[in-house]
Amino acid sequence: RSPFPLRQSFAGRVGHLGCGEAKFFYHIDLYRIKNINEVKDLGLEEIINDLKNIVVIEWAEKIDKLLPKKRINVYFEYLGENKRRITVHGQY
């Protein structure tokens, strides 16, 4: 069970994305979401598609249809109590 709220945002200059400097960093945790309909009215599509945002989404597979095709996916795989495999792929 995730201790985080559905969405947290942090304003400021958080990096360079090749298209200007990012305005906001968003952490979105979809652990408690059961289906895509629960998030459609929350403004997530606008956040995700704004190129000036850096968006990190936990449990992103729950809204796969809303995600842009150009993105970077990071997967964490549990391999043991003190061991994880991190896989990064995608395009930006």
Protein backbone atom coordinates (compact mmCIF):
# COMPACT_ATOMS: atom_id res chain seq x y z
CA ARG A 1 0.00 0.00 0.00
CA SER A 2 1.45 3.31 -1.06
CA PRO A 3 1.79 6.10 1.53
CA PHE A 4 1.79 8.84 -1.14
CA PRO A 5 -1.12 10.98 -2.33
CA LEU A 6 -2.24 10.52 -5.92
CA ARG A 7 -0.30 13.55 -7.18
CA GLN A 8 2.47 15.77 -5.82
CA SER A 9 4.04 18.62 -7.74
CA PHE A 10 7.17 20.65 -7.18
CA ALA A 11 7.71 24.00 -8.92
CA GLY A 12 11.01 25.44 -10.01
CA ARG A 13 13.82 24.90 -12.45
CA VAL A 14 14.35 21.16 -12.36
CA GLY A 15 16.43 20.47 -15.43
CA HIS A 16 16.85 20.75 -19.14
CA LEU A 17 14.77 18.56 -21.48
CA GLY A 18 16.09 19.72 -24.83
CA CYS A 19 12.94 21.79 -25.38
CA GLY A 20 13.46 24.40 -22.69
CA GLU A 21 13.74 24.16 -18.96
CA ALA A 22 11.25 22.12 -17.01
CA LYS A 23 8.75 24.06 -14.89
CA PHE A 24 7.36 21.29 -12.73
CA PHE A 25 8.27 17.86 -11.45
CA TYR A 26 5.24 15.65 -10.82
CA HIS A 27 5.14 12.43 -8.84
CA ILE A 28 1.95 10.50 -9.61
CA ASP A 29 1.15 7.32 -7.70
CA LEU A 30 -1.64 5.24 -9.23
CA TYR A 31 -1.43 2.32 -6.78
CA ARG A 32 -5.00 2.78 -5.53
CA ILE A 33 -6.50 3.39 -8.99
CA LYS A 34 -8.54 0.45 -10.23
CA ASN A 35 -9.15 1.62 -13.83
CA ILE A 36 -8.40 4.43 -16.25
CA ASN A 37 -11.82 6.05 -15.77
CA GLU A 38 -10.85 7.07 -12.22
CA VAL A 39 -8.15 9.44 -13.50
CA LYS A 40 -9.69 10.90 -16.66
CA ASP A 41 -11.11 13.97 -14.88
CA LEU A 42 -7.99 14.77 -12.84
CA GLY A 43 -6.09 16.66 -15.53
CA LEU A 44 -3.37 14.02 -15.86
CA GLU A 45 -3.41 14.10 -19.66
CA GLU A 46 -2.54 17.80 -19.65
CA ILE A 47 0.26 17.26 -17.13
CA ILE A 48 1.69 14.27 -18.98
CA ASN A 49 1.59 15.93 -22.41
CA ASP A 50 3.14 19.26 -21.35
CA LEU A 51 6.76 19.01 -22.55
CA LYS A 52 7.89 21.39 -19.82
CA ASN A 53 6.95 18.89 -17.12
CA ILE A 54 8.97 16.00 -15.77
CA VAL A 55 6.46 13.34 -14.75
CA VAL A 56 7.23 10.20 -12.74
CA ILE A 57 4.34 7.74 -12.56
CA GLU A 58 4.21 4.69 -10.34
CA TRP A 59 1.90 1.94 -11.63
CA ALA A 60 1.79 3.71 -15.03
CA GLU A 61 0.58 0.56 -16.79
CA LYS A 62 -2.85 1.34 -15.35
CA ILE A 63 -3.13 4.35 -17.70
CA ASP A 64 -1.05 3.09 -20.61
CA LYS A 65 -3.59 4.39 -23.16
CA LEU A 66 -3.10 7.97 -21.87
CA LEU A 67 0.70 7.94 -21.98
CA PRO A 68 2.62 9.53 -24.86
CA LYS A 69 4.42 7.21 -27.26
CA LYS A 70 7.66 9.14 -26.77
CA ARG A 71 8.63 8.46 -23.18
CA ILE A 72 11.23 6.80 -21.01
CA ASN A 73 10.11 3.80 -18.98
CA VAL A 74 11.97 2.69 -15.86
CA TYR A 75 11.13 -0.73 -14.41
CA PHE A 76 12.16 -2.04 -11.00
CA GLU A 77 12.16 -5.80 -10.60
CA TYR A 78 12.38 -7.46 -7.20
CA LEU A 79 15.14 -10.09 -7.20
CA GLY A 80 15.55 -10.64 -3.48
CA GLU A 81 15.52 -8.83 -0.16
CA ASN A 82 18.45 -6.57 -1.06
CA LYS A 83 18.53 -6.94 -4.81
CA ARG A 84 16.65 -5.20 -7.65
CA ARG A 85 17.00 -5.07 -11.41
CA ILE A 86 16.41 -1.67 -13.00
CA THR A 87 15.59 -1.58 -16.71
CA VAL A 88 15.37 1.66 -18.69
CA HIS A 89 14.06 1.90 -22.22
CA GLY A 90 12.13 4.19 -24.50
CA GLN A 91 12.72 7.30 -26.48
CA TYR A 92 12.43 10.99 -25.91
